[in-house]
Amino acid sequence: MSDSESVKMNVKSSAADKIRKNVKDGQVVLLSLNDGSNKYSNIAGSCAAGTRFQFVVLDKQDPEFSIKVENNAGLDLYTSPAEMQYLGNNLVVDEKNAAISLADDSGVIDAAMTVSANN
């Protein structure tokens, strides 16, 4: 998916509840790679490139994450051009067995996403 396309994400209700527990009013959420490629990643670079994602909660928007992600969960959600190369069409976030997953038309991208505060 190119960064010029609009990004839409369907967040299933159980996943939305789990994410929103970590978000206070006025905070923004980033859909960020968690593969060692950016300042929010908490793992070292590895063969996980493009396969690990996380939600990062911030008090204010990071200008590097400039792509608005439309979503049905009411989150003020953004991603960056770097993440876009790994995201396909029809993004879906779900929760099963206490784990948050990210999928698109090609299948599951990450079956164990995290939500972290980075204030």
C-alpha atoms as a PDB file:
ATOM      1  CA  MET A   1       0.000   0.000   0.000  1.00  0.00           C
ATOM      2  CA  SER A   2       1.422   3.404  -0.857  1.00  0.00           C
ATOM      3  CA  ASP A   3       1.359   6.310   1.547  1.00  0.00           C
ATOM      4  CA  SER A   4      -0.849   8.287  -0.811  1.00  0.00           C
ATOM      5  CA  GLU A   5      -3.752   5.897  -0.316  1.00  0.00           C
ATOM      6  CA  SER A   6      -6.247   6.408   2.433  1.00  0.00           C
ATOM      7  CA  VAL A   7      -5.731   3.993   5.291  1.00  0.00           C
ATOM      8  CA  LYS A   8      -8.703   2.368   6.951  1.00  0.00           C
ATOM      9  CA  MET A   9      -8.670  -0.095   9.798  1.00  0.00           C
ATOM     10  CA  ASN A  10     -11.475  -2.192  11.265  1.00  0.00           C
ATOM     11  CA  VAL A  11     -10.839  -2.621  14.995  1.00  0.00           C
ATOM     12  CA  LYS A  12     -12.942  -5.410  16.491  1.00  0.00           C
ATOM     13  CA  SER A  13     -14.673  -4.464  19.742  1.00  0.00           C
ATOM     14  CA  SER A  14     -12.610  -6.649  22.094  1.00  0.00           C
ATOM     15  CA  ALA A  15      -9.359  -5.288  20.617  1.00  0.00           C
ATOM     16  CA  ALA A  16     -10.687  -1.725  20.786  1.00  0.00           C
ATOM     17  CA  ASP A  17     -11.490  -2.155  24.477  1.00  0.00           C
ATOM     18  CA  LYS A  18      -7.995  -3.473  25.175  1.00  0.00           C
ATOM     19  CA  ILE A  19      -6.321  -0.610  23.298  1.00  0.00           C
ATOM     20  CA  ARG A  20      -8.543   2.128  24.760  1.00  0.00           C
ATOM     21  CA  LYS A  21      -7.658   1.012  28.317  1.00  0.00           C
ATOM     22  CA  ASN A  22      -4.209   2.467  27.602  1.00  0.00           C
ATOM     23  CA  VAL A  23      -5.331   5.734  25.984  1.00  0.00           C
ATOM     24  CA  LYS A  24      -6.350   8.875  27.887  1.00  0.00           C
ATOM     25  CA  ASP A  25      -8.423  11.696  26.444  1.00  0.00           C
ATOM     26  CA  GLY A  26      -6.404  13.808  24.029  1.00  0.00           C
ATOM     27  CA  GLN A  27      -3.712  11.202  23.411  1.00  0.00           C
ATOM     28  CA  VAL A  28      -2.771   9.899  19.979  1.00  0.00           C
ATOM     29  CA  VAL A  29      -1.971   6.336  18.975  1.00  0.00           C
ATOM     30  CA  LEU A  30       0.642   5.260  16.459  1.00  0.00           C
ATOM     31  CA  LEU A  31       0.649   2.073  14.413  1.00  0.00           C
ATOM     32  CA  SER A  32       4.384   1.532  14.492  1.00  0.00           C
ATOM     33  CA  LEU A  33       6.793  -1.169  13.456  1.00  0.00           C
ATOM     34  CA  ASN A  34       8.392  -2.980  16.387  1.00  0.00           C
ATOM     35  CA  ASP A  35      11.363  -4.461  14.561  1.00  0.00           C
ATOM     36  CA  GLY A  36      14.253  -2.215  15.582  1.00  0.00           C
ATOM     37  CA  SER A  37      13.650   0.231  12.726  1.00  0.00           C
ATOM     38  CA  ASN A  38      12.401   3.265  14.660  1.00  0.00           C
ATOM     39  CA  LYS A  39      12.651   5.163  17.948  1.00  0.00           C
ATOM     40  CA  TYR A  40       9.581   3.423  19.401  1.00  0.00           C
ATOM     41  CA  SER A  41      10.767  -0.117  18.777  1.00  0.00           C
ATOM     42  CA  ASN A  42      11.678  -2.019  21.911  1.00  0.00           C
ATOM     43  CA  ILE A  43      13.409  -4.915  20.177  1.00  0.00           C
ATOM     44  CA  ALA A  44      16.738  -4.934  18.425  1.00  0.00           C
ATOM     45  CA  GLY A  45      16.903  -5.216  14.660  1.00  0.00           C
ATOM     46  CA  SER A  46      16.325  -8.736  13.515  1.00  0.00           C
ATOM     47  CA  CYS A  47      14.725 -10.853  10.864  1.00  0.00           C
ATOM     48  CA  ALA A  48      11.395  -9.531  12.195  1.00  0.00           C
ATOM     49  CA  ALA A  49      11.507  -6.626   9.730  1.00  0.00           C
ATOM     50  CA  GLY A  50       7.988  -5.772   8.704  1.00  0.00           C
ATOM     51  CA  THR A  51       6.369  -8.561  10.702  1.00  0.00           C
ATOM     52  CA  ARG A  52       6.158  -6.958  14.158  1.00  0.00           C
ATOM     53  CA  PHE A  53       3.855  -4.047  14.910  1.00  0.00           C
ATOM     54  CA  GLN A  54       2.758  -2.204  18.021  1.00  0.00           C
ATOM     55  CA  PHE A  55       0.429   0.549  19.123  1.00  0.00           C
ATOM     56  CA  VAL A  56       2.302   3.407  20.772  1.00  0.00           C
ATOM     57  CA  VAL A  57       0.357   5.921  22.879  1.00  0.00           C
ATOM     58  CA  LEU A  58       1.669   9.508  22.901  1.00  0.00           C
ATOM     59  CA  ASP A  59       0.597  12.788  24.460  1.00  0.00           C
ATOM     60  CA  LYS A  60       1.079  14.572  21.126  1.00  0.00           C
ATOM     61  CA  GLN A  61       1.407  13.553  17.507  1.00  0.00           C
ATOM     62  CA  ASP A  62       4.818  12.663  16.118  1.00  0.00           C
ATOM     63  CA  PRO A  63       5.285  14.506  12.781  1.00  0.00           C
ATOM     64  CA  GLU A  64       7.078  11.449  11.350  1.00  0.00           C
ATOM     65  CA  PHE A  65       3.788   9.549  11.696  1.00  0.00           C
ATOM     66  CA  SER A  66       1.764  11.775   9.390  1.00  0.00           C
ATOM     67  CA  ILE A  67      -0.644   9.308   7.789  1.00  0.00           C
ATOM     68  CA  LYS A  68      -4.066   9.319   9.431  1.00  0.00           C
ATOM     69  CA  VAL A  69      -5.592   5.870   9.907  1.00  0.00           C
ATOM     70  CA  GLU A  70      -9.382   5.969   9.793  1.00  0.00           C
ATOM     71  CA  ASN A  71     -10.815   3.498  12.294  1.00  0.00           C
ATOM     72  CA  ASN A  72     -14.110   2.540  13.871  1.00  0.00           C
ATOM     73  CA  ALA A  73     -12.706   2.541  17.427  1.00  0.00           C
ATOM     74  CA  GLY A  74     -12.585   6.324  17.765  1.00  0.00           C
ATOM     75  CA  LEU A  75      -8.796   6.359  18.121  1.00  0.00           C
ATOM     76  CA  ASP A  76      -6.729   9.352  16.959  1.00  0.00           C
ATOM     77  CA  LEU A  77      -4.516   6.929  15.016  1.00  0.00           C
ATOM     78  CA  TYR A  78      -1.546   7.543  12.704  1.00  0.00           C
ATOM     79  CA  THR A  79       1.163   5.602  10.921  1.00  0.00           C
ATOM     80  CA  SER A  80       4.226   6.571   8.891  1.00  0.00           C
ATOM     81  CA  PRO A  81       5.371   6.022   5.322  1.00  0.00           C
ATOM     82  CA  ALA A  82       7.912   3.445   6.575  1.00  0.00           C
ATOM     83  CA  GLU A  83       5.117   1.250   7.939  1.00  0.00           C
ATOM     84  CA  MET A  84       2.983   1.558   4.813  1.00  0.00           C
ATOM     85  CA  GLN A  85       5.179  -0.751   2.758  1.00  0.00           C
ATOM     86  CA  TYR A  86       4.171  -3.640   5.041  1.00  0.00           C
ATOM     87  CA  LEU A  87       0.440  -2.929   5.165  1.00  0.00           C
ATOM     88  CA  GLY A  88      -2.060  -4.236   2.635  1.00  0.00           C
ATOM     89  CA  ASN A  89      -5.735  -3.574   2.075  1.00  0.00           C
ATOM     90  CA  ASN A  90      -8.550  -4.123   4.570  1.00  0.00           C
ATOM     91  CA  LEU A  91      -6.601  -3.853   7.810  1.00  0.00           C
ATOM     92  CA  VAL A  92      -8.239  -5.624  10.739  1.00  0.00           C
ATOM     93  CA  VAL A  93      -7.216  -5.560  14.391  1.00  0.00           C
ATOM     94  CA  ASP A  94      -8.659  -8.350  16.522  1.00  0.00           C
ATOM     95  CA  GLU A  95      -8.136  -9.800  19.992  1.00  0.00           C
ATOM     96  CA  LYS A  96      -8.077 -13.478  20.757  1.00  0.00           C
ATOM     97  CA  ASN A  97      -6.689 -15.324  23.758  1.00  0.00           C
ATOM     98  CA  ALA A  98      -5.525 -11.979  25.257  1.00  0.00           C
ATOM     99  CA  ALA A  99      -3.392 -11.200  22.186  1.00  0.00           C
ATOM    100  CA  ILE A 100      -3.983  -8.367  19.720  1.00  0.00           C
ATOM    101  CA  SER A 101      -3.483  -9.259  16.064  1.00  0.00           C
ATOM    102  CA  LEU A 102      -3.102  -7.221  12.882  1.00  0.00           C
ATOM    103  CA  ALA A 103      -4.180  -8.681   9.553  1.00  0.00           C
ATOM    104  CA  ASP A 104      -4.918  -7.587   5.999  1.00  0.00           C
ATOM    105  CA  ASP A 105      -6.148  -9.269   2.825  1.00  0.00           C
ATOM    106  CA  SER A 106      -2.943 -11.314   2.652  1.00  0.00           C
ATOM    107  CA  GLY A 107      -3.428 -12.798   6.144  1.00  0.00           C
ATOM    108  CA  VAL A 108      -2.066 -12.203   9.626  1.00  0.00           C
ATOM    109  CA  ILE A 109       0.754  -9.658   9.754  1.00  0.00           C
ATOM    110  CA  ASP A 110       1.391  -9.832  13.530  1.00  0.00           C
ATOM    111  CA  ALA A 111      -0.419 -12.144  15.947  1.00  0.00           C
ATOM    112  CA  ALA A 112       1.041 -10.606  19.119  1.00  0.00           C
ATOM    113  CA  MET A 113       0.923  -6.804  19.004  1.00  0.00           C
ATOM    114  CA  THR A 114       1.583  -4.718  22.086  1.00  0.00           C
ATOM    115  CA  VAL A 115       0.191  -1.410  23.325  1.00  0.00           C
ATOM    116  CA  SER A 116       2.723   0.821  25.075  1.00  0.00           C
ATOM    117  CA  ALA A 117       2.748   4.333  26.482  1.00  0.00           C
ATOM    118  CA  ASN A 118       5.626   6.553  25.401  1.00  0.00           C
ATOM    119  CA  ASN A 119       4.860   9.866  27.090  1.00  0.00           C
END
